[in-house]
Amino acid sequence: MCIYLGTFVKRFNMPTIDTIDGIKVCIYGGEHRPPHFHAIYNEFEVVIEIETSNIYAGDLPNKQLKKVFDWLAGNSEWASEVFYELNPELL
């Protein structure tokens, strides 16, 4: 089940793969290319490409965005593996 909130579609039972100081890092199944993850903090949400670290859509406050980029620097390979595990049709 999905509900529409602002720019993004929020899915119930969000697959949170990590939490960083209240920031949820989520990767969904049934997604699209490029490989990416969602970082959610309060009413903010950003979508970041795993391989390039580019912001695909959305925004976060600067302090939280820095934490997300720091997390990605140490977890990009794992995040990519999780993305393709949840989206094997994109391999």
C-alpha atoms as a PDB file:
ATOM      1  CA  MET A   1       0.000   0.000   0.000  1.00  0.00           C
ATOM      2  CA  CYS A   2       1.246   3.491  -0.856  1.00  0.00           C
ATOM      3  CA  ILE A   3       0.211   7.012   0.052  1.00  0.00           C
ATOM      4  CA  TYR A   4       1.260  10.186  -1.684  1.00  0.00           C
ATOM      5  CA  LEU A   5       2.942  12.812   0.516  1.00  0.00           C
ATOM      6  CA  GLY A   6       4.472  15.770  -1.255  1.00  0.00           C
ATOM      7  CA  THR A   7       7.033  14.895  -3.912  1.00  0.00           C
ATOM      8  CA  PHE A   8       7.497  11.228  -3.065  1.00  0.00           C
ATOM      9  CA  VAL A   9       5.323   8.180  -2.677  1.00  0.00           C
ATOM     10  CA  LYS A  10       5.620   6.800   0.855  1.00  0.00           C
ATOM     11  CA  ARG A  11       5.333   3.045   1.206  1.00  0.00           C
ATOM     12  CA  PHE A  12       4.061   1.336   4.308  1.00  0.00           C
ATOM     13  CA  ASN A  13       6.515  -1.147   5.830  1.00  0.00           C
ATOM     14  CA  MET A  14       9.430   0.973   4.660  1.00  0.00           C
ATOM     15  CA  PRO A  15      12.578  -1.151   4.427  1.00  0.00           C
ATOM     16  CA  THR A  16      14.849   0.904   6.665  1.00  0.00           C
ATOM     17  CA  ILE A  17      18.340  -0.502   6.221  1.00  0.00           C
ATOM     18  CA  ASP A  18      20.004   1.874   8.697  1.00  0.00           C
ATOM     19  CA  THR A  19      19.295   4.803  10.996  1.00  0.00           C
ATOM     20  CA  ILE A  20      21.761   7.640  11.544  1.00  0.00           C
ATOM     21  CA  ASP A  21      20.865  10.042  14.378  1.00  0.00           C
ATOM     22  CA  GLY A  22      17.167   9.874  13.507  1.00  0.00           C
ATOM     23  CA  ILE A  23      17.697   9.771   9.726  1.00  0.00           C
ATOM     24  CA  LYS A  24      16.142   6.683   8.136  1.00  0.00           C
ATOM     25  CA  VAL A  25      18.054   5.179   5.211  1.00  0.00           C
ATOM     26  CA  CYS A  26      15.640   3.183   3.032  1.00  0.00           C
ATOM     27  CA  ILE A  27      15.919   1.117  -0.113  1.00  0.00           C
ATOM     28  CA  TYR A  28      12.736  -0.122  -1.743  1.00  0.00           C
ATOM     29  CA  GLY A  29      11.926  -3.079  -3.950  1.00  0.00           C
ATOM     30  CA  GLY A  30      10.197  -2.420  -7.264  1.00  0.00           C
ATOM     31  CA  GLU A  31      12.445   0.556  -7.946  1.00  0.00           C
ATOM     32  CA  HIS A  32      14.046   2.064 -11.040  1.00  0.00           C
ATOM     33  CA  ARG A  33      17.539   2.935 -12.199  1.00  0.00           C
ATOM     34  CA  PRO A  34      19.894   4.456 -11.226  1.00  0.00           C
ATOM     35  CA  PRO A  35      20.570   2.530  -7.999  1.00  0.00           C
ATOM     36  CA  HIS A  36      19.624   4.862  -5.161  1.00  0.00           C
ATOM     37  CA  PHE A  37      18.373   5.132  -1.608  1.00  0.00           C
ATOM     38  CA  HIS A  38      16.008   7.405   0.269  1.00  0.00           C
ATOM     39  CA  ALA A  39      17.092   9.299   3.390  1.00  0.00           C
ATOM     40  CA  ILE A  40      14.190  10.535   5.511  1.00  0.00           C
ATOM     41  CA  TYR A  41      14.431  12.997   8.372  1.00  0.00           C
ATOM     42  CA  ASN A  42      11.252  14.487   9.873  1.00  0.00           C
ATOM     43  CA  GLU A  43       9.360  16.071   6.963  1.00  0.00           C
ATOM     44  CA  PHE A  44      12.395  15.998   4.659  1.00  0.00           C
ATOM     45  CA  GLU A  45      13.340  13.331   2.154  1.00  0.00           C
ATOM     46  CA  VAL A  46      16.214  13.085  -0.295  1.00  0.00           C
ATOM     47  CA  VAL A  47      16.969  10.467  -2.941  1.00  0.00           C
ATOM     48  CA  ILE A  48      20.687   9.891  -3.555  1.00  0.00           C
ATOM     49  CA  GLU A  49      22.314   7.872  -6.319  1.00  0.00           C
ATOM     50  CA  ILE A  50      24.542   5.233  -4.751  1.00  0.00           C
ATOM     51  CA  GLU A  51      27.315   5.125  -7.367  1.00  0.00           C
ATOM     52  CA  THR A  52      27.746   8.873  -7.922  1.00  0.00           C
ATOM     53  CA  SER A  53      26.521  10.329  -4.598  1.00  0.00           C
ATOM     54  CA  ASN A  54      24.434  12.790  -6.631  1.00  0.00           C
ATOM     55  CA  ILE A  55      21.161  14.054  -5.226  1.00  0.00           C
ATOM     56  CA  TYR A  56      18.427  12.709  -7.508  1.00  0.00           C
ATOM     57  CA  ALA A  57      15.523  14.522  -5.834  1.00  0.00           C
ATOM     58  CA  GLY A  58      14.483  16.189  -2.603  1.00  0.00           C
ATOM     59  CA  ASP A  59      16.476  17.767   0.183  1.00  0.00           C
ATOM     60  CA  LEU A  60      17.606  17.464   3.781  1.00  0.00           C
ATOM     61  CA  PRO A  61      18.949  20.063   6.191  1.00  0.00           C
ATOM     62  CA  ASN A  62      22.715  20.513   5.676  1.00  0.00           C
ATOM     63  CA  LYS A  63      23.706  18.867   8.980  1.00  0.00           C
ATOM     64  CA  GLN A  64      21.696  15.718   8.214  1.00  0.00           C
ATOM     65  CA  LEU A  65      22.769  15.676   4.567  1.00  0.00           C
ATOM     66  CA  LYS A  66      26.436  15.651   5.625  1.00  0.00           C
ATOM     67  CA  LYS A  67      25.742  12.666   7.896  1.00  0.00           C
ATOM     68  CA  VAL A  68      24.070  10.833   5.011  1.00  0.00           C
ATOM     69  CA  PHE A  69      27.013  11.501   2.672  1.00  0.00           C
ATOM     70  CA  ASP A  70      29.442  10.343   5.394  1.00  0.00           C
ATOM     71  CA  TRP A  71      27.363   7.174   5.805  1.00  0.00           C
ATOM     72  CA  LEU A  72      27.355   6.578   2.043  1.00  0.00           C
ATOM     73  CA  ALA A  73      31.148   6.978   1.847  1.00  0.00           C
ATOM     74  CA  GLY A  74      31.534   3.962   4.136  1.00  0.00           C
ATOM     75  CA  ASN A  75      28.572   1.927   2.918  1.00  0.00           C
ATOM     76  CA  SER A  76      28.204   2.428  -0.845  1.00  0.00           C
ATOM     77  CA  GLU A  77      29.153  -1.126  -1.800  1.00  0.00           C
ATOM     78  CA  TRP A  78      26.757  -2.611   0.743  1.00  0.00           C
ATOM     79  CA  ALA A  79      23.958  -0.196  -0.274  1.00  0.00           C
ATOM     80  CA  SER A  80      24.422  -1.233  -3.906  1.00  0.00           C
ATOM     81  CA  GLU A  81      24.205  -4.909  -2.934  1.00  0.00           C
ATOM     82  CA  VAL A  82      20.987  -4.277  -0.990  1.00  0.00           C
ATOM     83  CA  PHE A  83      19.512  -2.284  -3.884  1.00  0.00           C
ATOM     84  CA  TYR A  84      20.083  -5.136  -6.348  1.00  0.00           C
ATOM     85  CA  GLU A  85      18.961  -7.759  -3.827  1.00  0.00           C
ATOM     86  CA  LEU A  86      15.641  -5.921  -3.553  1.00  0.00           C
ATOM     87  CA  ASN A  87      15.532  -5.162  -7.301  1.00  0.00           C
ATOM     88  CA  PRO A  88      17.028  -8.225  -9.059  1.00  0.00           C
ATOM     89  CA  GLU A  89      15.203  -7.408 -12.304  1.00  0.00           C
ATOM     90  CA  LEU A  90      17.573  -4.421 -12.713  1.00  0.00           C
ATOM     91  CA  LEU A  91      20.752  -6.529 -12.761  1.00  0.00           C
END
